[in-house]
């Protein structure tokens, strides 16, 4: 987390999620999907 924050990756990922243009519910569903996929690995 420290390295990702220092490199700006965390902020870039936050910006990506915020700028998907899907609205609140769509962004939430993308986050849920991310958790499901990451949970596999």
ModelCIF file with pLDDT and N, C-alpha, C, O atoms, coordinates in Angstrom:
data_MODEL
#
_entry.id   MODEL 
#
_entity.id                         1 
_entity.type                       polymer 
_entity.pdbx_number_of_molecules   1 
#
_entity_poly.entity_id                      1 
_entity_poly.type                           'polypeptide(L)' 
_entity_poly.nstd_linkage                   no 
_entity_poly.nstd_monomer                   no 
_entity_poly.pdbx_seq_one_letter_code       
;(UNK)(UNK)(UNK)(UNK)(UNK)(UNK)(UNK)(UNK)(UNK)(UNK)(UNK)(UNK)(UNK)(UNK)(UNK)(UNK)
(UNK)(UNK)(UNK)(UNK)(UNK)(UNK)(UNK)(UNK)(UNK)(UNK)(UNK)(UNK)(UNK)(UNK)(UNK)(UNK)
(UNK)(UNK)(UNK)(UNK)(UNK)(UNK)(UNK)(UNK)(UNK)
;
_entity_poly.pdbx_seq_one_letter_code_can   XXXXXXXXXXXXXXXXXXXXXXXXXXXXXXXXXXXXXXXXX 
_entity_poly.pdbx_strand_id                 A 
#
loop_
_entity_poly_seq.entity_id 
_entity_poly_seq.num 
_entity_poly_seq.mon_id 
_entity_poly_seq.hetero 
1 1  UNK n 
1 2  UNK n 
1 3  UNK n 
1 4  UNK n 
1 5  UNK n 
1 6  UNK n 
1 7  UNK n 
1 8  UNK n 
1 9  UNK n 
1 10 UNK n 
1 11 UNK n 
1 12 UNK n 
1 13 UNK n 
1 14 UNK n 
1 15 UNK n 
1 16 UNK n 
1 17 UNK n 
1 18 UNK n 
1 19 UNK n 
1 20 UNK n 
1 21 UNK n 
1 22 UNK n 
1 23 UNK n 
1 24 UNK n 
1 25 UNK n 
1 26 UNK n 
1 27 UNK n 
1 28 UNK n 
1 29 UNK n 
1 30 UNK n 
1 31 UNK n 
1 32 UNK n 
1 33 UNK n 
1 34 UNK n 
1 35 UNK n 
1 36 UNK n 
1 37 UNK n 
1 38 UNK n 
1 39 UNK n 
1 40 UNK n 
1 41 UNK n 
#
_struct_asym.id          A 
_struct_asym.entity_id   1 
#
loop_
_ma_qa_metric.id 
_ma_qa_metric.mode 
_ma_qa_metric.name 
_ma_qa_metric.software_group_id 
_ma_qa_metric.type 
1 global pLDDT . pLDDT 
2 local  pLDDT . pLDDT 
#
_ma_qa_metric_global.metric_id      1 
_ma_qa_metric_global.metric_value   77.37 
_ma_qa_metric_global.model_id       1 
_ma_qa_metric_global.ordinal_id     1 
#
loop_
_ma_qa_metric_local.label_asym_id 
_ma_qa_metric_local.label_comp_id 
_ma_qa_metric_local.label_seq_id 
_ma_qa_metric_local.metric_id 
_ma_qa_metric_local.metric_value 
_ma_qa_metric_local.model_id 
_ma_qa_metric_local.ordinal_id 
A UNK 1  2 68.00 1 1  
A UNK 2  2 73.00 1 2  
A UNK 3  2 74.00 1 3  
A UNK 4  2 67.00 1 4  
A UNK 5  2 69.00 1 5  
A UNK 6  2 73.00 1 6  
A UNK 7  2 71.00 1 7  
A UNK 8  2 69.00 1 8  
A UNK 9  2 65.00 1 9  
A UNK 10 2 66.00 1 10 
A UNK 11 2 69.00 1 11 
A UNK 12 2 72.00 1 12 
A UNK 13 2 73.00 1 13 
A UNK 14 2 71.00 1 14 
A UNK 15 2 72.00 1 15 
A UNK 16 2 72.00 1 16 
A UNK 17 2 72.00 1 17 
A UNK 18 2 70.00 1 18 
A UNK 19 2 73.00 1 19 
A UNK 20 2 75.00 1 20 
A UNK 21 2 73.00 1 21 
A UNK 22 2 80.00 1 22 
A UNK 23 2 80.00 1 23 
A UNK 24 2 79.00 1 24 
A UNK 25 2 83.00 1 25 
A UNK 26 2 85.00 1 26 
A UNK 27 2 82.00 1 27 
A UNK 28 2 87.00 1 28 
A UNK 29 2 88.00 1 29 
A UNK 30 2 86.00 1 30 
A UNK 31 2 87.00 1 31 
A UNK 32 2 89.00 1 32 
A UNK 33 2 87.00 1 33 
A UNK 34 2 86.00 1 34 
A UNK 35 2 87.00 1 35 
A UNK 36 2 86.00 1 36 
A UNK 37 2 85.00 1 37 
A UNK 38 2 83.00 1 38 
A UNK 39 2 82.00 1 39 
A UNK 40 2 83.00 1 40 
A UNK 41 2 80.00 1 41 
#
loop_
_atom_site.group_PDB 
_atom_site.id 
_atom_site.type_symbol 
_atom_site.label_atom_id 
_atom_site.label_alt_id 
_atom_site.label_comp_id 
_atom_site.label_asym_id 
_atom_site.label_entity_id 
_atom_site.label_seq_id 
_atom_site.pdbx_PDB_ins_code 
_atom_site.Cartn_x 
_atom_site.Cartn_y 
_atom_site.Cartn_z 
_atom_site.occupancy 
_atom_site.B_iso_or_equiv 
_atom_site.pdbx_formal_charge 
_atom_site.auth_seq_id 
_atom_site.auth_comp_id 
_atom_site.auth_asym_id 
_atom_site.auth_atom_id 
_atom_site.pdbx_PDB_model_num 
ATOM 1   N N  . UNK A 1 1  ? 0.826   -1.206  0.000   1.00 68.00 ? 1  UNK A N  1 
ATOM 2   C CA . UNK A 1 1  ? 0.000   0.000   0.000   1.00 68.00 ? 1  UNK A CA 1 
ATOM 3   C C  . UNK A 1 1  ? 0.859   1.254   0.000   1.00 68.00 ? 1  UNK A C  1 
ATOM 4   O O  . UNK A 1 1  ? 0.549   2.219   -0.699  1.00 68.00 ? 1  UNK A O  1 
ATOM 5   N N  . UNK A 1 2  ? 1.939   1.249   0.781   1.00 73.00 ? 2  UNK A N  1 
ATOM 6   C CA . UNK A 1 2  ? 2.833   2.405   0.832   1.00 73.00 ? 2  UNK A CA 1 
ATOM 7   C C  . UNK A 1 2  ? 3.461   2.663   -0.543  1.00 73.00 ? 2  UNK A C  1 
ATOM 8   O O  . UNK A 1 2  ? 3.508   3.801   -1.009  1.00 73.00 ? 2  UNK A O  1 
ATOM 9   N N  . UNK A 1 3  ? 3.934   1.611   -1.173  1.00 74.00 ? 3  UNK A N  1 
ATOM 10  C CA . UNK A 1 3  ? 4.563   1.748   -2.492  1.00 74.00 ? 3  UNK A CA 1 
ATOM 11  C C  . UNK A 1 3  ? 3.536   2.213   -3.533  1.00 74.00 ? 3  UNK A C  1 
ATOM 12  O O  . UNK A 1 3  ? 3.823   3.092   -4.346  1.00 74.00 ? 3  UNK A O  1 
ATOM 13  N N  . UNK A 1 4  ? 2.335   1.615   -3.498  1.00 67.00 ? 4  UNK A N  1 
ATOM 14  C CA . UNK A 1 4  ? 1.292   2.016   -4.443  1.00 67.00 ? 4  UNK A CA 1 
ATOM 15  C C  . UNK A 1 4  ? 0.904   3.475   -4.259  1.00 67.00 ? 4  UNK A C  1 
ATOM 16  O O  . UNK A 1 4  ? 0.686   4.195   -5.234  1.00 67.00 ? 4  UNK A O  1 
ATOM 17  N N  . UNK A 1 5  ? 0.820   3.909   -3.009  1.00 69.00 ? 5  UNK A N  1 
ATOM 18  C CA . UNK A 1 5  ? 0.484   5.307   -2.728  1.00 69.00 ? 5  UNK A CA 1 
ATOM 19  C C  . UNK A 1 5  ? 1.613   6.229   -3.169  1.00 69.00 ? 5  UNK A C  1 
ATOM 20  O O  . UNK A 1 5  ? 1.367   7.266   -3.785  1.00 69.00 ? 5  UNK A O  1 
ATOM 21  N N  . UNK A 1 6  ? 2.845   5.856   -2.858  1.00 73.00 ? 6  UNK A N  1 
ATOM 22  C CA . UNK A 1 6  ? 3.993   6.684   -3.234  1.00 73.00 ? 6  UNK A CA 1 
ATOM 23  C C  . UNK A 1 6  ? 4.127   6.792   -4.754  1.00 73.00 ? 6  UNK A C  1 
ATOM 24  O O  . UNK A 1 6  ? 4.533   7.834   -5.268  1.00 73.00 ? 6  UNK A O  1 
ATOM 25  N N  . UNK A 1 7  ? 3.793   5.737   -5.462  1.00 71.00 ? 7  UNK A N  1 
ATOM 26  C CA . UNK A 1 7  ? 3.898   5.745   -6.920  1.00 71.00 ? 7  UNK A CA 1 
ATOM 27  C C  . UNK A 1 7  ? 2.684   6.388   -7.585  1.00 71.00 ? 7  UNK A C  1 
ATOM 28  O O  . UNK A 1 7  ? 2.680   6.602   -8.798  1.00 71.00 ? 7  UNK A O  1 
ATOM 29  N N  . UNK A 1 8  ? 1.649   6.700   -6.791  1.00 69.00 ? 8  UNK A N  1 
ATOM 30  C CA . UNK A 1 8  ? 0.452   7.321   -7.335  1.00 69.00 ? 8  UNK A CA 1 
ATOM 31  C C  . UNK A 1 8  ? -0.546  6.347   -7.910  1.00 69.00 ? 8  UNK A C  1 
ATOM 32  O O  . UNK A 1 8  ? -1.541  6.757   -8.508  1.00 69.00 ? 8  UNK A O  1 
ATOM 33  N N  . UNK A 1 9  ? -0.296  5.053   -7.738  1.00 65.00 ? 9  UNK A N  1 
ATOM 34  C CA . UNK A 1 9  ? -1.196  4.041   -8.291  1.00 65.00 ? 9  UNK A CA 1 
ATOM 35  C C  . UNK A 1 9  ? -2.532  4.052   -7.558  1.00 65.00 ? 9  UNK A C  1 
ATOM 36  O O  . UNK A 1 9  ? -3.583  3.921   -8.186  1.00 65.00 ? 9  UNK A O  1 
ATOM 37  N N  . UNK A 1 10 ? -2.501  4.207   -6.235  1.00 66.00 ? 10 UNK A N  1 
ATOM 38  C CA . UNK A 1 10 ? -3.749  4.229   -5.468  1.00 66.00 ? 10 UNK A CA 1 
ATOM 39  C C  . UNK A 1 10 ? -4.652  5.358   -5.939  1.00 66.00 ? 10 UNK A C  1 
ATOM 40  O O  . UNK A 1 10 ? -5.847  5.153   -6.152  1.00 66.00 ? 10 UNK A O  1 
ATOM 41  N N  . UNK A 1 11 ? -4.094  6.532   -6.099  1.00 69.00 ? 11 UNK A N  1 
ATOM 42  C CA . UNK A 1 11 ? -4.875  7.688   -6.565  1.00 69.00 ? 11 UNK A CA 1 
ATOM 43  C C  . UNK A 1 11 ? -5.391  7.450   -7.987  1.00 69.00 ? 11 UNK A C  1 
ATOM 44  O O  . UNK A 1 11 ? -6.525  7.805   -8.308  1.00 69.00 ? 11 UNK A O  1 
ATOM 45  N N  . UNK A 1 12 ? -4.561  6.853   -8.828  1.00 72.00 ? 12 UNK A N  1 
ATOM 46  C CA . UNK A 1 12 ? -4.980  6.565   -10.204 1.00 72.00 ? 12 UNK A CA 1 
ATOM 47  C C  . UNK A 1 12 ? -6.136  5.568   -10.221 1.00 72.00 ? 12 UNK A C  1 
ATOM 48  O O  . UNK A 1 12 ? -7.072  5.717   -11.005 1.00 72.00 ? 12 UNK A O  1 
ATOM 49  N N  . UNK A 1 13 ? -6.073  4.553   -9.357  1.00 73.00 ? 13 UNK A N  1 
ATOM 50  C CA . UNK A 1 13 ? -7.166  3.581   -9.287  1.00 73.00 ? 13 UNK A CA 1 
ATOM 51  C C  . UNK A 1 13 ? -8.440  4.228   -8.755  1.00 73.00 ? 13 UNK A C  1 
ATOM 52  O O  . UNK A 1 13 ? -9.534  3.939   -9.241  1.00 73.00 ? 13 UNK A O  1 
ATOM 53  N N  . UNK A 1 14 ? -8.303  5.103   -7.755  1.00 71.00 ? 14 UNK A N  1 
ATOM 54  C CA . UNK A 1 14 ? -9.472  5.829   -7.245  1.00 71.00 ? 14 UNK A CA 1 
ATOM 55  C C  . UNK A 1 14 ? -10.089 6.689   -8.345  1.00 71.00 ? 14 UNK A C  1 
ATOM 56  O O  . UNK A 1 14 ? -11.307 6.700   -8.522  1.00 71.00 ? 14 UNK A O  1 
ATOM 57  N N  . UNK A 1 15 ? -9.248  7.404   -9.080  1.00 72.00 ? 15 UNK A N  1 
ATOM 58  C CA . UNK A 1 15 ? -9.745  8.241   -10.172 1.00 72.00 ? 15 UNK A CA 1 
ATOM 59  C C  . UNK A 1 15 ? -10.432 7.395   -11.241 1.00 72.00 ? 15 UNK A C  1 
ATOM 60  O O  . UNK A 1 15 ? -11.467 7.788   -11.779 1.00 72.00 ? 15 UNK A O  1 
ATOM 61  N N  . UNK A 1 16 ? -9.856  6.241   -11.543 1.00 72.00 ? 16 UNK A N  1 
ATOM 62  C CA . UNK A 1 16 ? -10.455 5.344   -12.526 1.00 72.00 ? 16 UNK A CA 1 
ATOM 63  C C  . UNK A 1 16 ? -11.849 4.911   -12.088 1.00 72.00 ? 16 UNK A C  1 
ATOM 64  O O  . UNK A 1 16 ? -12.790 4.943   -12.882 1.00 72.00 ? 16 UNK A O  1 
ATOM 65  N N  . UNK A 1 17 ? -11.986 4.503   -10.821 1.00 72.00 ? 17 UNK A N  1 
ATOM 66  C CA . UNK A 1 17 ? -13.282 4.074   -10.316 1.00 72.00 ? 17 UNK A CA 1 
ATOM 67  C C  . UNK A 1 17 ? -14.283 5.223   -10.307 1.00 72.00 ? 17 UNK A C  1 
ATOM 68  O O  . UNK A 1 17 ? -15.459 5.029   -10.616 1.00 72.00 ? 17 UNK A O  1 
ATOM 69  N N  . UNK A 1 18 ? -13.820 6.420   -9.953  1.00 70.00 ? 18 UNK A N  1 
ATOM 70  C CA . UNK A 1 18 ? -14.726 7.564   -9.872  1.00 70.00 ? 18 UNK A CA 1 
ATOM 71  C C  . UNK A 1 18 ? -15.146 8.056   -11.253 1.00 70.00 ? 18 UNK A C  1 
ATOM 72  O O  . UNK A 1 18 ? -16.232 8.617   -11.398 1.00 70.00 ? 18 UNK A O  1 
ATOM 73  N N  . UNK A 1 19 ? -14.318 7.859   -12.256 1.00 73.00 ? 19 UNK A N  1 
ATOM 74  C CA . UNK A 1 19 ? -14.587 8.397   -13.583 1.00 73.00 ? 19 UNK A CA 1 
ATOM 75  C C  . UNK A 1 19 ? -15.094 7.350   -14.571 1.00 73.00 ? 19 UNK A C  1 
ATOM 76  O O  . UNK A 1 19 ? -14.979 7.535   -15.783 1.00 73.00 ? 19 UNK A O  1 
ATOM 77  N N  . UNK A 1 20 ? -15.644 6.271   -14.068 1.00 75.00 ? 20 UNK A N  1 
ATOM 78  C CA . UNK A 1 20 ? -16.178 5.251   -14.973 1.00 75.00 ? 20 UNK A CA 1 
ATOM 79  C C  . UNK A 1 20 ? -17.433 5.731   -15.695 1.00 75.00 ? 20 UNK A C  1 
ATOM 80  O O  . UNK A 1 20 ? -17.772 5.228   -16.767 1.00 75.00 ? 20 UNK A O  1 
ATOM 81  N N  . UNK A 1 21 ? -18.116 6.698   -15.106 1.00 73.00 ? 21 UNK A N  1 
ATOM 82  C CA . UNK A 1 21 ? -19.329 7.217   -15.727 1.00 73.00 ? 21 UNK A CA 1 
ATOM 83  C C  . UNK A 1 21 ? -20.514 6.283   -15.614 1.00 73.00 ? 21 UNK A C  1 
ATOM 84  O O  . UNK A 1 21 ? -21.446 6.362   -16.414 1.00 73.00 ? 21 UNK A O  1 
ATOM 85  N N  . UNK A 1 22 ? -20.491 5.404   -14.636 1.00 80.00 ? 22 UNK A N  1 
ATOM 86  C CA . UNK A 1 22 ? -21.561 4.422   -14.472 1.00 80.00 ? 22 UNK A CA 1 
ATOM 87  C C  . UNK A 1 22 ? -22.572 4.816   -13.402 1.00 80.00 ? 22 UNK A C  1 
ATOM 88  O O  . UNK A 1 22 ? -23.570 4.120   -13.215 1.00 80.00 ? 22 UNK A O  1 
ATOM 89  N N  . UNK A 1 23 ? -22.337 5.898   -12.712 1.00 80.00 ? 23 UNK A N  1 
ATOM 90  C CA . UNK A 1 23 ? -23.208 6.267   -11.613 1.00 80.00 ? 23 UNK A CA 1 
ATOM 91  C C  . UNK A 1 23 ? -22.825 5.500   -10.363 1.00 80.00 ? 23 UNK A C  1 
ATOM 92  O O  . UNK A 1 23 ? -21.918 4.669   -10.374 1.00 80.00 ? 23 UNK A O  1 
ATOM 93  N N  . UNK A 1 24 ? -23.537 5.797   -9.285  1.00 79.00 ? 24 UNK A N  1 
ATOM 94  C CA . UNK A 1 24 ? -23.200 5.204   -7.994  1.00 79.00 ? 24 UNK A CA 1 
ATOM 95  C C  . UNK A 1 24 ? -23.416 3.690   -7.981  1.00 79.00 ? 24 UNK A C  1 
ATOM 96  O O  . UNK A 1 24 ? -22.559 2.944   -7.507  1.00 79.00 ? 24 UNK A O  1 
ATOM 97  N N  . UNK A 1 25 ? -24.545 3.242   -8.495  1.00 83.00 ? 25 UNK A N  1 
ATOM 98  C CA . UNK A 1 25 ? -24.845 1.802   -8.471  1.00 83.00 ? 25 UNK A CA 1 
ATOM 99  C C  . UNK A 1 25 ? -23.913 1.043   -9.404  1.00 83.00 ? 25 UNK A C  1 
ATOM 100 O O  . UNK A 1 25 ? -23.418 -0.026  -9.047  1.00 83.00 ? 25 UNK A O  1 
ATOM 101 N N  . UNK A 1 26 ? -23.674 1.569   -10.564 1.00 85.00 ? 26 UNK A N  1 
ATOM 102 C CA . UNK A 1 26 ? -22.773 0.910   -11.512 1.00 85.00 ? 26 UNK A CA 1 
ATOM 103 C C  . UNK A 1 26 ? -21.360 0.795   -10.977 1.00 85.00 ? 26 UNK A C  1 
ATOM 104 O O  . UNK A 1 26 ? -20.718 -0.246  -11.111 1.00 85.00 ? 26 UNK A O  1 
ATOM 105 N N  . UNK A 1 27 ? -20.876 1.877   -10.368 1.00 82.00 ? 27 UNK A N  1 
ATOM 106 C CA . UNK A 1 27 ? -19.538 1.839   -9.769  1.00 82.00 ? 27 UNK A CA 1 
ATOM 107 C C  . UNK A 1 27 ? -19.487 0.834   -8.631  1.00 82.00 ? 27 UNK A C  1 
ATOM 108 O O  . UNK A 1 27 ? -18.504 0.107   -8.485  1.00 82.00 ? 27 UNK A O  1 
ATOM 109 N N  . UNK A 1 28 ? -20.548 0.788   -7.820  1.00 87.00 ? 28 UNK A N  1 
ATOM 110 C CA . UNK A 1 28 ? -20.601 -0.190  -6.728  1.00 87.00 ? 28 UNK A CA 1 
ATOM 111 C C  . UNK A 1 28 ? -20.564 -1.616  -7.288  1.00 87.00 ? 28 UNK A C  1 
ATOM 112 O O  . UNK A 1 28 ? -19.871 -2.472  -6.739  1.00 87.00 ? 28 UNK A O  1 
ATOM 113 N N  . UNK A 1 29 ? -21.290 -1.876  -8.354  1.00 88.00 ? 29 UNK A N  1 
ATOM 114 C CA . UNK A 1 29 ? -21.286 -3.216  -8.943  1.00 88.00 ? 29 UNK A CA 1 
ATOM 115 C C  . UNK A 1 29 ? -19.916 -3.579  -9.509  1.00 88.00 ? 29 UNK A C  1 
ATOM 116 O O  . UNK A 1 29 ? -19.501 -4.735  -9.435  1.00 88.00 ? 29 UNK A O  1 
ATOM 117 N N  . UNK A 1 30 ? -19.217 -2.606  -10.068 1.00 86.00 ? 30 UNK A N  1 
ATOM 118 C CA . UNK A 1 30 ? -17.851 -2.849  -10.543 1.00 86.00 ? 30 UNK A CA 1 
ATOM 119 C C  . UNK A 1 30 ? -16.951 -3.208  -9.363  1.00 86.00 ? 30 UNK A C  1 
ATOM 120 O O  . UNK A 1 30 ? -16.135 -4.124  -9.464  1.00 86.00 ? 30 UNK A O  1 
ATOM 121 N N  . UNK A 1 31 ? -17.091 -2.496  -8.250  1.00 87.00 ? 31 UNK A N  1 
ATOM 122 C CA . UNK A 1 31 ? -16.286 -2.778  -7.054  1.00 87.00 ? 31 UNK A CA 1 
ATOM 123 C C  . UNK A 1 31 ? -16.603 -4.176  -6.527  1.00 87.00 ? 31 UNK A C  1 
ATOM 124 O O  . UNK A 1 31 ? -15.694 -4.912  -6.144  1.00 87.00 ? 31 UNK A O  1 
ATOM 125 N N  . UNK A 1 32 ? -17.879 -4.546  -6.506  1.00 89.00 ? 32 UNK A N  1 
ATOM 126 C CA . UNK A 1 32 ? -18.268 -5.892  -6.069  1.00 89.00 ? 32 UNK A CA 1 
ATOM 127 C C  . UNK A 1 32 ? -17.648 -6.937  -6.989  1.00 89.00 ? 32 UNK A C  1 
ATOM 128 O O  . UNK A 1 32 ? -17.136 -7.952  -6.517  1.00 89.00 ? 32 UNK A O  1 
ATOM 129 N N  . UNK A 1 33 ? -17.688 -6.701  -8.277  1.00 87.00 ? 33 UNK A N  1 
ATOM 130 C CA . UNK A 1 33 ? -17.083 -7.628  -9.233  1.00 87.00 ? 33 UNK A CA 1 
ATOM 131 C C  . UNK A 1 33 ? -15.570 -7.736  -9.013  1.00 87.00 ? 33 UNK A C  1 
ATOM 132 O O  . UNK A 1 33 ? -15.004 -8.827  -9.097  1.00 87.00 ? 33 UNK A O  1 
ATOM 133 N N  . UNK A 1 34 ? -14.927 -6.619  -8.736  1.00 86.00 ? 34 UNK A N  1 
ATOM 134 C CA . UNK A 1 34 ? -13.491 -6.633  -8.455  1.00 86.00 ? 34 UNK A CA 1 
ATOM 135 C C  . UNK A 1 34 ? -13.200 -7.484  -7.230  1.00 86.00 ? 34 UNK A C  1 
ATOM 136 O O  . UNK A 1 34 ? -12.259 -8.278  -7.238  1.00 86.00 ? 34 UNK A O  1 
ATOM 137 N N  . UNK A 1 35 ? -13.999 -7.329  -6.173  1.00 87.00 ? 35 UNK A N  1 
ATOM 138 C CA . UNK A 1 35 ? -13.794 -8.137  -4.967  1.00 87.00 ? 35 UNK A CA 1 
ATOM 139 C C  . UNK A 1 35 ? -14.004 -9.625  -5.254  1.00 87.00 ? 35 UNK A C  1 
ATOM 140 O O  . UNK A 1 35 ? -13.269 -10.465 -4.735  1.00 87.00 ? 35 UNK A O  1 
ATOM 141 N N  . UNK A 1 36 ? -14.988 -9.948  -6.063  1.00 86.00 ? 36 UNK A N  1 
ATOM 142 C CA . UNK A 1 36 ? -15.236 -11.355 -6.380  1.00 86.00 ? 36 UNK A CA 1 
ATOM 143 C C  . UNK A 1 36 ? -14.047 -11.934 -7.145  1.00 86.00 ? 36 UNK A C  1 
ATOM 144 O O  . UNK A 1 36 ? -13.567 -13.019 -6.816  1.00 86.00 ? 36 UNK A O  1 
ATOM 145 N N  . UNK A 1 37 ? -13.573 -11.219 -8.159  1.00 85.00 ? 37 UNK A N  1 
ATOM 146 C CA . UNK A 1 37 ? -12.455 -11.723 -8.962  1.00 85.00 ? 37 UNK A CA 1 
ATOM 147 C C  . UNK A 1 37 ? -11.180 -11.794 -8.130  1.00 85.00 ? 37 UNK A C  1 
ATOM 148 O O  . UNK A 1 37 ? -10.470 -12.798 -8.187  1.00 85.00 ? 37 UNK A O  1 
ATOM 149 N N  . UNK A 1 38 ? -10.874 -10.756 -7.360  1.00 83.00 ? 38 UNK A N  1 
ATOM 150 C CA . UNK A 1 38 ? -9.670  -10.791 -6.529  1.00 83.00 ? 38 UNK A CA 1 
ATOM 151 C C  . UNK A 1 38 ? -9.754  -11.886 -5.469  1.00 83.00 ? 38 UNK A C  1 
ATOM 152 O O  . UNK A 1 38 ? -8.734  -12.455 -5.077  1.00 83.00 ? 38 UNK A O  1 
ATOM 153 N N  . UNK A 1 39 ? -10.973 -12.183 -5.005  1.00 82.00 ? 39 UNK A N  1 
ATOM 154 C CA . UNK A 1 39 ? -11.157 -13.243 -4.014  1.00 82.00 ? 39 UNK A CA 1 
ATOM 155 C C  . UNK A 1 39 ? -10.772 -14.619 -4.531  1.00 82.00 ? 39 UNK A C  1 
ATOM 156 O O  . UNK A 1 39 ? -10.454 -15.512 -3.745  1.00 82.00 ? 39 UNK A O  1 
ATOM 157 N N  . UNK A 1 40 ? -10.799 -14.796 -5.838  1.00 83.00 ? 40 UNK A N  1 
ATOM 158 C CA . UNK A 1 40 ? -10.360 -16.069 -6.413  1.00 83.00 ? 40 UNK A CA 1 
ATOM 159 C C  . UNK A 1 40 ? -8.862  -16.292 -6.220  1.00 83.00 ? 40 UNK A C  1 
ATOM 160 O O  . UNK A 1 40 ? -8.405  -17.433 -6.143  1.00 83.00 ? 40 UNK A O  1 
ATOM 161 N N  . UNK A 1 41 ? -8.102  -15.202 -6.143  1.00 80.00 ? 41 UNK A N  1 
ATOM 162 C CA . UNK A 1 41 ? -6.654  -15.321 -6.223  1.00 80.00 ? 41 UNK A CA 1 
ATOM 163 C C  . UNK A 1 41 ? -5.879  -14.792 -5.018  1.00 80.00 ? 41 UNK A C  1 
ATOM 164 O O  . UNK A 1 41 ? -4.650  -14.852 -5.000  1.00 80.00 ? 41 UNK A O  1 
#
